[in-house]
């Protein structure tokens, strides 16, 4: 059961990357680095994903109750 859940989550992430190729390149995504050391803070992408999931899950919950 856990293996299938991990596979489904991985496929979902791949699909998300294919459908939304602009994720990771939003204005709120910060990149710092010099030489081999790099830090990436995807704040804009996290906010966009959170907003999208909130809308989808709220709509699904609303439709499920009716």
PDB file of N, CA and C in Angstrom:
ATOM      1  N   UNK A   1       0.823  -1.192   0.000  1.00  0.00           N
ATOM      2  CA  UNK A   1       0.000   0.000   0.000  1.00  0.00           C
ATOM      3  C   UNK A   1       0.870   1.260   0.000  1.00  0.00           C
ATOM      4  N   UNK A   2       1.900   1.280   0.839  1.00  0.00           N
ATOM      5  CA  UNK A   2       2.765   2.457   0.911  1.00  0.00           C
ATOM      6  C   UNK A   2       3.556   2.625  -0.380  1.00  0.00           C
ATOM      7  N   UNK A   3       3.945   1.514  -0.994  1.00  0.00           N
ATOM      8  CA  UNK A   3       4.691   1.579  -2.245  1.00  0.00           C
ATOM      9  C   UNK A   3       3.857   2.195  -3.361  1.00  0.00           C
ATOM     10  N   UNK A   4       2.603   1.808  -3.432  1.00  0.00           N
ATOM     11  CA  UNK A   4       1.720   2.373  -4.454  1.00  0.00           C
ATOM     12  C   UNK A   4       1.484   3.857  -4.216  1.00  0.00           C
ATOM     13  N   UNK A   5       1.403   4.248  -2.964  1.00  0.00           N
ATOM     14  CA  UNK A   5       1.219   5.660  -2.638  1.00  0.00           C
ATOM     15  C   UNK A   5       2.444   6.474  -3.061  1.00  0.00           C
ATOM     16  N   UNK A   6       3.631   5.945  -2.822  1.00  0.00           N
ATOM     17  CA  UNK A   6       4.852   6.642  -3.226  1.00  0.00           C
ATOM     18  C   UNK A   6       4.963   6.739  -4.748  1.00  0.00           C
ATOM     19  N   UNK A   7       4.589   5.689  -5.438  1.00  0.00           N
ATOM     20  CA  UNK A   7       4.615   5.720  -6.903  1.00  0.00           C
ATOM     21  C   UNK A   7       3.616   6.744  -7.426  1.00  0.00           C
ATOM     22  N   UNK A   8       2.425   6.769  -6.855  1.00  0.00           N
ATOM     23  CA  UNK A   8       1.406   7.738  -7.277  1.00  0.00           C
ATOM     24  C   UNK A   8       1.871   9.166  -6.993  1.00  0.00           C
ATOM     25  N   UNK A   9       2.502   9.382  -5.861  1.00  0.00           N
ATOM     26  CA  UNK A   9       2.996  10.719  -5.529  1.00  0.00           C
ATOM     27  C   UNK A   9       4.103  11.134  -6.499  1.00  0.00           C
ATOM     28  N   UNK A  10       4.982  10.214  -6.842  1.00  0.00           N
ATOM     29  CA  UNK A  10       6.053  10.510  -7.796  1.00  0.00           C
ATOM     30  C   UNK A  10       5.504  10.828  -9.176  1.00  0.00           C
ATOM     31  N   UNK A  11       4.535  10.046  -9.630  1.00  0.00           N
ATOM     32  CA  UNK A  11       3.924  10.320 -10.928  1.00  0.00           C
ATOM     33  C   UNK A  11       3.173  11.653 -10.914  1.00  0.00           C
ATOM     34  N   UNK A  12       2.567  11.964  -9.780  1.00  0.00           N
ATOM     35  CA  UNK A  12       1.901  13.254  -9.652  1.00  0.00           C
ATOM     36  C   UNK A  12       2.877  14.418  -9.752  1.00  0.00           C
ATOM     37  N   UNK A  13       4.048  14.270  -9.151  1.00  0.00           N
ATOM     38  CA  UNK A  13       5.066  15.324  -9.243  1.00  0.00           C
ATOM     39  C   UNK A  13       5.598  15.477 -10.662  1.00  0.00           C
ATOM     40  N   UNK A  14       5.779  14.357 -11.352  1.00  0.00           N
ATOM     41  CA  UNK A  14       6.225  14.419 -12.747  1.00  0.00           C
ATOM     42  C   UNK A  14       5.165  15.113 -13.597  1.00  0.00           C
ATOM     43  N   UNK A  15       3.909  14.750 -13.396  1.00  0.00           N
ATOM     44  CA  UNK A  15       2.816  15.381 -14.138  1.00  0.00           C
ATOM     45  C   UNK A  15       2.737  16.869 -13.831  1.00  0.00           C
ATOM     46  N   UNK A  16       2.920  17.231 -12.580  1.00  0.00           N
ATOM     47  CA  UNK A  16       2.910  18.636 -12.185  1.00  0.00           C
ATOM     48  C   UNK A  16       4.020  19.399 -12.893  1.00  0.00           C
ATOM     49  N   UNK A  17       5.187  18.791 -12.987  1.00  0.00           N
ATOM     50  CA  UNK A  17       6.302  19.430 -13.679  1.00  0.00           C
ATOM     51  C   UNK A  17       6.077  19.572 -15.169  1.00  0.00           C
ATOM     52  N   UNK A  18       5.369  18.630 -15.760  1.00  0.00           N
ATOM     53  CA  UNK A  18       5.076  18.710 -17.199  1.00  0.00           C
ATOM     54  C   UNK A  18       3.978  19.718 -17.503  1.00  0.00           C
ATOM     55  N   UNK A  19       2.986  19.791 -16.625  1.00  0.00           N
ATOM     56  CA  UNK A  19       1.861  20.691 -16.854  1.00  0.00           C
ATOM     57  C   UNK A  19       2.233  22.141 -16.526  1.00  0.00           C
ATOM     58  N   UNK A  20       3.024  22.332 -15.490  1.00  0.00           N
ATOM     59  CA  UNK A  20       3.408  23.673 -15.056  1.00  0.00           C
ATOM     60  C   UNK A  20       4.929  23.829 -15.127  1.00  0.00           C
ATOM     61  N   UNK A  21       5.498  24.022 -16.325  1.00  0.00           N
ATOM     62  CA  UNK A  21       6.957  24.113 -16.440  1.00  0.00           C
ATOM     63  C   UNK A  21       7.539  25.397 -15.844  1.00  0.00           C
ATOM     64  N   UNK A  22       6.695  26.381 -15.558  1.00  0.00           N
ATOM     65  CA  UNK A  22       7.175  27.632 -14.992  1.00  0.00           C
ATOM     66  C   UNK A  22       7.437  27.532 -13.495  1.00  0.00           C
ATOM     67  N   UNK A  23       7.033  26.419 -12.866  1.00  0.00           N
ATOM     68  CA  UNK A  23       7.320  26.254 -11.435  1.00  0.00           C
ATOM     69  C   UNK A  23       8.824  26.197 -11.224  1.00  0.00           C
ATOM     70  N   UNK A  24       9.287  26.911 -10.258  1.00  0.00           N
ATOM     71  CA  UNK A  24      10.717  26.975  -9.992  1.00  0.00           C
ATOM     72  C   UNK A  24      11.364  28.199 -10.602  1.00  0.00           C
ATOM     73  N   UNK A  25      10.593  28.938 -11.393  1.00  0.00           N
ATOM     74  CA  UNK A  25      11.122  30.136 -12.032  1.00  0.00           C
ATOM     75  C   UNK A  25      10.209  31.331 -11.784  1.00  0.00           C
ATOM     76  N   UNK A  26       9.507  31.329 -10.680  1.00  0.00           N
ATOM     77  CA  UNK A  26       8.602  32.430 -10.344  1.00  0.00           C
ATOM     78  C   UNK A  26       9.385  33.566  -9.687  1.00  0.00           C
ATOM     79  N   UNK A  27       8.811  34.772  -9.648  1.00  0.00           N
ATOM     80  CA  UNK A  27       9.526  35.907  -9.056  1.00  0.00           C
ATOM     81  C   UNK A  27       9.909  35.713  -7.590  1.00  0.00           C
ATOM     82  N   UNK A  28       9.187  34.936  -6.826  1.00  0.00           N
ATOM     83  CA  UNK A  28       9.511  34.741  -5.414  1.00  0.00           C
ATOM     84  C   UNK A  28      10.498  33.624  -5.145  1.00  0.00           C
ATOM     85  N   UNK A  29      11.023  32.984  -6.181  1.00  0.00           N
ATOM     86  CA  UNK A  29      11.997  31.903  -6.018  1.00  0.00           C
ATOM     87  C   UNK A  29      13.400  32.513  -5.981  1.00  0.00           C
ATOM     88  N   UNK A  30      14.093  32.273  -4.902  1.00  0.00           N
ATOM     89  CA  UNK A  30      15.415  32.874  -4.713  1.00  0.00           C
ATOM     90  C   UNK A  30      16.511  31.843  -4.916  1.00  0.00           C
ATOM     91  N   UNK A  31      17.572  32.267  -5.581  1.00  0.00           N
ATOM     92  CA  UNK A  31      18.750  31.423  -5.793  1.00  0.00           C
ATOM     93  C   UNK A  31      19.976  32.188  -5.334  1.00  0.00           C
ATOM     94  N   UNK A  32      20.744  31.555  -4.489  1.00  0.00           N
ATOM     95  CA  UNK A  32      21.993  32.131  -4.014  1.00  0.00           C
ATOM     96  C   UNK A  32      23.096  31.118  -4.260  1.00  0.00           C
ATOM     97  N   UNK A  33      24.257  31.570  -4.568  1.00  0.00           N
ATOM     98  CA  UNK A  33      25.329  30.611  -4.722  1.00  0.00           C
ATOM     99  C   UNK A  33      26.590  31.232  -5.273  1.00  0.00           C
ATOM    100  N   UNK A  34      27.664  30.583  -4.913  1.00  0.00           N
ATOM    101  CA  UNK A  34      28.962  30.978  -5.416  1.00  0.00           C
ATOM    102  C   UNK A  34      29.802  29.721  -5.480  1.00  0.00           C
ATOM    103  N   UNK A  35      30.300  29.417  -6.642  1.00  0.00           N
ATOM    104  CA  UNK A  35      31.082  28.201  -6.782  1.00  0.00           C
ATOM    105  C   UNK A  35      30.197  26.972  -6.664  1.00  0.00           C
ATOM    106  N   UNK A  36      30.667  25.961  -5.968  1.00  0.00           N
ATOM    107  CA  UNK A  36      29.880  24.732  -5.866  1.00  0.00           C
ATOM    108  C   UNK A  36      28.730  24.803  -4.855  1.00  0.00           C
ATOM    109  N   UNK A  37      28.723  25.802  -3.979  1.00  0.00           N
ATOM    110  CA  UNK A  37      27.680  25.912  -2.959  1.00  0.00           C
ATOM    111  C   UNK A  37      26.511  26.729  -3.506  1.00  0.00           C
ATOM    112  N   UNK A  38      25.327  26.121  -3.520  1.00  0.00           N
ATOM    113  CA  UNK A  38      24.135  26.809  -4.000  1.00  0.00           C
ATOM    114  C   UNK A  38      22.979  26.577  -3.034  1.00  0.00           C
ATOM    115  N   UNK A  39      22.164  27.615  -2.878  1.00  0.00           N
ATOM    116  CA  UNK A  39      20.969  27.530  -2.039  1.00  0.00           C
ATOM    117  C   UNK A  39      19.790  27.988  -2.891  1.00  0.00           C
ATOM    118  N   UNK A  40      18.733  27.223  -2.861  1.00  0.00           N
ATOM    119  CA  UNK A  40      17.532  27.536  -3.643  1.00  0.00           C
ATOM    120  C   UNK A  40      16.340  27.571  -2.697  1.00  0.00           C
ATOM    121  N   UNK A  41      15.630  28.694  -2.665  1.00  0.00           N
ATOM    122  CA  UNK A  41      14.449  28.860  -1.816  1.00  0.00           C
ATOM    123  C   UNK A  41      13.232  29.109  -2.707  1.00  0.00           C
ATOM    124  N   UNK A  42      12.426  28.081  -2.958  1.00  0.00           N
ATOM    125  CA  UNK A  42      11.285  28.231  -3.875  1.00  0.00           C
ATOM    126  C   UNK A  42      10.034  28.789  -3.189  1.00  0.00           C
ATOM    127  N   UNK A  43      10.107  29.982  -2.652  1.00  0.00           N
ATOM    128  CA  UNK A  43       8.973  30.551  -1.921  1.00  0.00           C
ATOM    129  C   UNK A  43       7.790  30.837  -2.836  1.00  0.00           C
ATOM    130  N   UNK A  44       8.039  31.413  -3.991  1.00  0.00           N
ATOM    131  CA  UNK A  44       6.951  31.715  -4.921  1.00  0.00           C
ATOM    132  C   UNK A  44       6.259  30.461  -5.411  1.00  0.00           C
ATOM    133  N   UNK A  45       7.037  29.426  -5.717  1.00  0.00           N
ATOM    134  CA  UNK A  45       6.451  28.165  -6.181  1.00  0.00           C
ATOM    135  C   UNK A  45       5.638  27.500  -5.075  1.00  0.00           C
ATOM    136  N   UNK A  46       6.129  27.553  -3.853  1.00  0.00           N
ATOM    137  CA  UNK A  46       5.392  26.962  -2.730  1.00  0.00           C
ATOM    138  C   UNK A  46       4.063  27.680  -2.513  1.00  0.00           C
ATOM    139  N   UNK A  47       4.067  28.991  -2.631  1.00  0.00           N
ATOM    140  CA  UNK A  47       2.826  29.745  -2.478  1.00  0.00           C
ATOM    141  C   UNK A  47       1.843  29.428  -3.606  1.00  0.00           C
ATOM    142  N   UNK A  48       2.336  29.301  -4.831  1.00  0.00           N
ATOM    143  CA  UNK A  48       1.467  28.987  -5.961  1.00  0.00           C
ATOM    144  C   UNK A  48       0.862  27.594  -5.811  1.00  0.00           C
ATOM    145  N   UNK A  49       1.664  26.618  -5.414  1.00  0.00           N
ATOM    146  CA  UNK A  49       1.168  25.257  -5.225  1.00  0.00           C
ATOM    147  C   UNK A  49       0.161  25.214  -4.082  1.00  0.00           C
ATOM    148  N   UNK A  50       0.435  25.929  -3.003  1.00  0.00           N
ATOM    149  CA  UNK A  50      -0.470  25.961  -1.869  1.00  0.00           C
ATOM    150  C   UNK A  50      -1.820  26.570  -2.255  1.00  0.00           C
ATOM    151  N   UNK A  51      -1.788  27.645  -3.001  1.00  0.00           N
ATOM    152  CA  UNK A  51      -3.025  28.278  -3.445  1.00  0.00           C
ATOM    153  C   UNK A  51      -3.804  27.351  -4.373  1.00  0.00           C
ATOM    154  N   UNK A  52      -3.118  26.725  -5.310  1.00  0.00           N
ATOM    155  CA  UNK A  52      -3.774  25.808  -6.243  1.00  0.00           C
ATOM    156  C   UNK A  52      -4.396  24.617  -5.516  1.00  0.00           C
ATOM    157  N   UNK A  53      -3.656  24.012  -4.597  1.00  0.00           N
ATOM    158  CA  UNK A  53      -4.192  22.875  -3.844  1.00  0.00           C
ATOM    159  C   UNK A  53      -5.356  23.283  -2.943  1.00  0.00           C
ATOM    160  N   UNK A  54      -5.291  24.461  -2.353  1.00  0.00           N
ATOM    161  CA  UNK A  54      -6.387  24.938  -1.511  1.00  0.00           C
ATOM    162  C   UNK A  54      -7.670  25.097  -2.314  1.00  0.00           C
ATOM    163  N   UNK A  55      -7.554  25.665  -3.504  1.00  0.00           N
ATOM    164  CA  UNK A  55      -8.736  25.852  -4.347  1.00  0.00           C
ATOM    165  C   UNK A  55      -9.292  24.500  -4.789  1.00  0.00           C
ATOM    166  N   UNK A  56      -8.417  23.608  -5.245  1.00  0.00           N
ATOM    167  CA  UNK A  56      -8.868  22.301  -5.736  1.00  0.00           C
ATOM    168  C   UNK A  56      -9.501  21.484  -4.612  1.00  0.00           C
ATOM    169  N   UNK A  57      -8.867  21.429  -3.453  1.00  0.00           N
ATOM    170  CA  UNK A  57      -9.397  20.634  -2.357  1.00  0.00           C
ATOM    171  C   UNK A  57     -10.673  21.227  -1.762  1.00  0.00           C
ATOM    172  N   UNK A  58     -10.775  22.548  -1.732  1.00  0.00           N
ATOM    173  CA  UNK A  58     -12.000  23.183  -1.261  1.00  0.00           C
ATOM    174  C   UNK A  58     -13.152  22.892  -2.216  1.00  0.00           C
ATOM    175  N   UNK A  59     -12.885  22.980  -3.518  1.00  0.00           N
ATOM    176  CA  UNK A  59     -13.920  22.669  -4.506  1.00  0.00           C
ATOM    177  C   UNK A  59     -14.314  21.193  -4.428  1.00  0.00           C
ATOM    178  N   UNK A  60     -13.346  20.309  -4.258  1.00  0.00           N
ATOM    179  CA  UNK A  60     -13.650  18.881  -4.154  1.00  0.00           C
ATOM    180  C   UNK A  60     -14.476  18.596  -2.903  1.00  0.00           C
ATOM    181  N   UNK A  61     -14.139  19.221  -1.796  1.00  0.00           N
ATOM    182  CA  UNK A  61     -14.913  19.046  -0.568  1.00  0.00           C
ATOM    183  C   UNK A  61     -16.323  19.582  -0.701  1.00  0.00           C
ATOM    184  N   UNK A  62     -16.455  20.706  -1.391  1.00  0.00           N
ATOM    185  CA  UNK A  62     -17.777  21.290  -1.595  1.00  0.00           C
ATOM    186  C   UNK A  62     -18.623  20.382  -2.478  1.00  0.00           C
ATOM    187  N   UNK A  63     -18.023  19.846  -3.544  1.00  0.00           N
ATOM    188  CA  UNK A  63     -18.766  18.950  -4.446  1.00  0.00           C
ATOM    189  C   UNK A  63     -19.082  17.608  -3.777  1.00  0.00           C
ATOM    190  N   UNK A  64     -18.205  17.153  -2.891  1.00  0.00           N
ATOM    191  CA  UNK A  64     -18.401  15.866  -2.220  1.00  0.00           C
ATOM    192  C   UNK A  64     -19.607  15.922  -1.286  1.00  0.00           C
ATOM    193  N   UNK A  65     -19.833  17.066  -0.649  1.00  0.00           N
ATOM    194  CA  UNK A  65     -20.935  17.212   0.299  1.00  0.00           C
ATOM    195  C   UNK A  65     -22.290  17.293  -0.389  1.00  0.00           C
ATOM    196  N   UNK A  66     -22.311  17.732  -1.622  1.00  0.00           N
ATOM    197  CA  UNK A  66     -23.607  17.900  -2.328  1.00  0.00           C
ATOM    198  C   UNK A  66     -24.082  16.616  -2.932  1.00  0.00           C
TER     199      UNK A  66
END
